[in-house]
Amino acid sequence: MSVLNIRSGMRLRSTAMPFLPKQQQSYPTPMLDWNTTSDGVWSARIGLDTAGSIERIDAGFQVRDWEGSVEGVYPTLRQAQRSLEPSVRAAARAARDGIERRANLLASSTLALGLIAVPTLAAAWFSANPL
């Protein structure tokens, strides 16, 4: 921000930064509500819907999704709880979808190359070795 000094005609520079209120550092708020259903078992809810559950096992904390399928085992409870957060799940889903797309592209290009290369090699062999 600059201000024009009327007497001298010079522009004085100043900044508004010291006058702005300091912003608080914000952390993402968890969307899940956690309840302890029994000793070593936690369940998560988003509103009225079940998001999943965590069970303490010997290897760590086993995470199950809302359908009951095992998602993974984590060393700490915090990591296990974080894995059920919608933003983390969305990022994991996007990564998994990207891997599947690349695998499908590789498979289809390999098939297309095979469909072109095999007849070409057969034709070249028959032209070099007539019957």
Protein backbone atom coordinates (compact mmCIF):
# COMPACT_ATOMS: atom_id res chain seq x y z
CA MET A 1 0.00 0.00 0.00
CA SER A 2 1.35 3.41 -0.81
CA VAL A 3 0.26 6.88 0.23
CA LEU A 4 0.92 10.12 -1.64
CA ASN A 5 2.40 12.87 0.54
CA ILE A 6 0.61 16.10 -0.36
CA ARG A 7 3.46 18.51 0.50
CA SER A 8 6.38 16.78 -1.17
CA GLY A 9 4.45 14.93 -3.86
CA MET A 10 6.43 11.79 -3.02
CA ARG A 11 4.88 8.43 -2.60
CA LEU A 12 5.44 6.88 0.79
CA ARG A 13 5.40 3.10 0.99
CA SER A 14 3.87 1.28 3.87
CA THR A 15 2.42 -2.10 4.38
CA ALA A 16 -0.86 -3.14 5.92
CA MET A 17 0.56 -6.37 7.27
CA PRO A 18 1.24 -5.20 10.84
CA PHE A 19 -2.34 -3.98 11.11
CA LEU A 20 -4.01 -7.20 9.96
CA PRO A 21 -5.05 -9.63 12.67
CA LYS A 22 -2.91 -12.74 12.86
CA GLN A 23 -4.61 -15.79 11.47
CA GLN A 24 -4.89 -18.84 13.63
CA GLN A 25 -3.30 -21.98 12.25
CA SER A 26 -6.16 -24.23 11.29
CA TYR A 27 -6.16 -27.99 11.43
CA PRO A 28 -8.64 -30.13 9.57
CA THR A 29 -11.49 -31.13 11.81
CA PRO A 30 -12.16 -34.83 11.89
CA MET A 31 -15.51 -35.75 10.43
CA LEU A 32 -15.79 -39.00 12.35
CA ASP A 33 -17.38 -39.55 15.74
CA TRP A 34 -15.61 -42.32 17.67
CA ASN A 35 -17.18 -44.63 20.24
CA THR A 36 -15.64 -47.46 22.20
CA THR A 37 -17.98 -50.39 21.74
CA SER A 38 -15.96 -52.84 23.84
CA ASP A 39 -12.44 -53.20 25.19
CA GLY A 40 -10.07 -52.75 22.24
CA VAL A 41 -12.79 -52.05 19.66
CA TRP A 42 -13.66 -48.58 18.34
CA SER A 43 -16.43 -47.73 15.90
CA ALA A 44 -16.65 -44.62 13.74
CA ARG A 45 -19.74 -42.84 12.48
CA ILE A 46 -20.35 -40.00 10.05
CA GLY A 47 -23.66 -38.62 11.17
CA LEU A 48 -25.96 -41.64 11.34
CA ASP A 49 -23.91 -43.81 8.97
CA THR A 50 -21.26 -46.31 10.06
CA ALA A 51 -17.82 -45.42 8.68
CA GLY A 52 -15.90 -48.44 9.96
CA SER A 53 -14.29 -49.94 13.01
CA ILE A 54 -10.89 -50.54 14.57
CA GLU A 55 -9.91 -53.58 16.59
CA ARG A 56 -6.75 -53.95 18.66
CA ILE A 57 -4.84 -57.09 17.64
CA ASP A 58 -1.33 -58.39 18.36
CA ALA A 59 0.11 -56.79 15.20
CA GLY A 60 -1.40 -53.36 15.92
CA PHE A 61 -4.80 -51.92 15.04
CA GLN A 62 -6.90 -53.63 12.38
CA VAL A 63 -9.19 -51.35 10.37
CA ARG A 64 -12.45 -52.56 8.85
CA ASP A 65 -14.52 -50.47 6.45
CA TRP A 66 -18.27 -49.89 6.68
CA GLU A 67 -18.95 -53.24 4.98
CA GLY A 68 -16.72 -55.14 7.42
CA SER A 69 -13.88 -55.81 4.96
CA VAL A 70 -10.36 -55.56 6.40
CA GLU A 71 -8.66 -52.42 5.09
CA GLY A 72 -5.29 -52.80 6.80
CA VAL A 73 -3.32 -52.99 10.03
CA TYR A 74 -1.64 -49.90 11.49
CA PRO A 75 0.94 -49.62 14.30
CA THR A 76 -0.85 -46.82 16.19
CA LEU A 77 -4.47 -46.04 16.96
CA ARG A 78 -4.09 -42.51 15.54
CA GLN A 79 -2.91 -43.86 12.16
CA ALA A 80 -5.76 -46.35 12.11
CA GLN A 81 -8.31 -43.63 12.92
CA ARG A 82 -6.85 -41.34 10.28
CA SER A 83 -7.14 -44.06 7.64
CA LEU A 84 -10.94 -43.94 7.99
CA GLU A 85 -11.17 -40.16 7.47
CA PRO A 86 -13.03 -39.38 4.23
CA SER A 87 -10.24 -37.20 2.79
CA VAL A 88 -7.62 -39.91 3.36
CA ARG A 89 -9.92 -42.56 1.90
CA ALA A 90 -10.59 -40.37 -1.15
CA ALA A 91 -6.85 -39.91 -1.77
CA ALA A 92 -6.25 -43.66 -1.40
CA ARG A 93 -9.13 -44.37 -3.78
CA ALA A 94 -7.73 -41.92 -6.36
CA ALA A 95 -4.29 -43.54 -6.13
CA ARG A 96 -5.79 -47.02 -6.50
CA ASP A 97 -7.85 -45.89 -9.51
CA GLY A 98 -4.73 -44.42 -11.12
CA ILE A 99 -2.86 -47.70 -10.69
CA GLU A 100 -5.78 -49.62 -12.20
CA ARG A 101 -5.93 -47.23 -15.19
CA ARG A 102 -2.21 -47.65 -15.86
CA ALA A 103 -2.48 -51.44 -15.56
CA ASN A 104 -5.42 -51.51 -17.99
CA LEU A 105 -3.55 -49.28 -20.43
CA LEU A 106 -0.50 -51.56 -20.26
CA ALA A 107 -2.62 -54.67 -20.78
CA SER A 108 -4.51 -53.23 -23.74
CA SER A 109 -1.36 -51.90 -25.42
CA THR A 110 0.34 -55.28 -24.94
CA LEU A 111 -2.66 -57.01 -26.51
CA ALA A 112 -2.70 -54.57 -29.45
CA LEU A 113 1.02 -55.03 -30.00
CA GLY A 114 0.58 -58.81 -29.92
CA LEU A 115 -2.26 -58.67 -32.44
CA ILE A 116 -0.06 -56.70 -34.82
CA ALA A 117 3.27 -58.41 -34.20
CA VAL A 118 2.24 -62.10 -34.39
CA PRO A 119 0.69 -61.97 -37.89
CA THR A 120 3.59 -59.83 -39.12
CA LEU A 121 6.15 -62.33 -37.81
CA ALA A 122 4.17 -65.24 -39.29
CA ALA A 123 4.00 -63.53 -42.68
CA ALA A 124 7.73 -62.79 -42.60
CA TRP A 125 8.53 -66.40 -41.70
CA PHE A 126 6.31 -67.82 -44.46
CA SER A 127 7.83 -65.45 -47.04
CA ALA A 128 11.34 -66.56 -46.03
CA ASN A 129 10.41 -70.28 -45.89
CA PRO A 130 7.97 -71.07 -48.68
CA LEU A 131 6.10 -74.40 -48.47
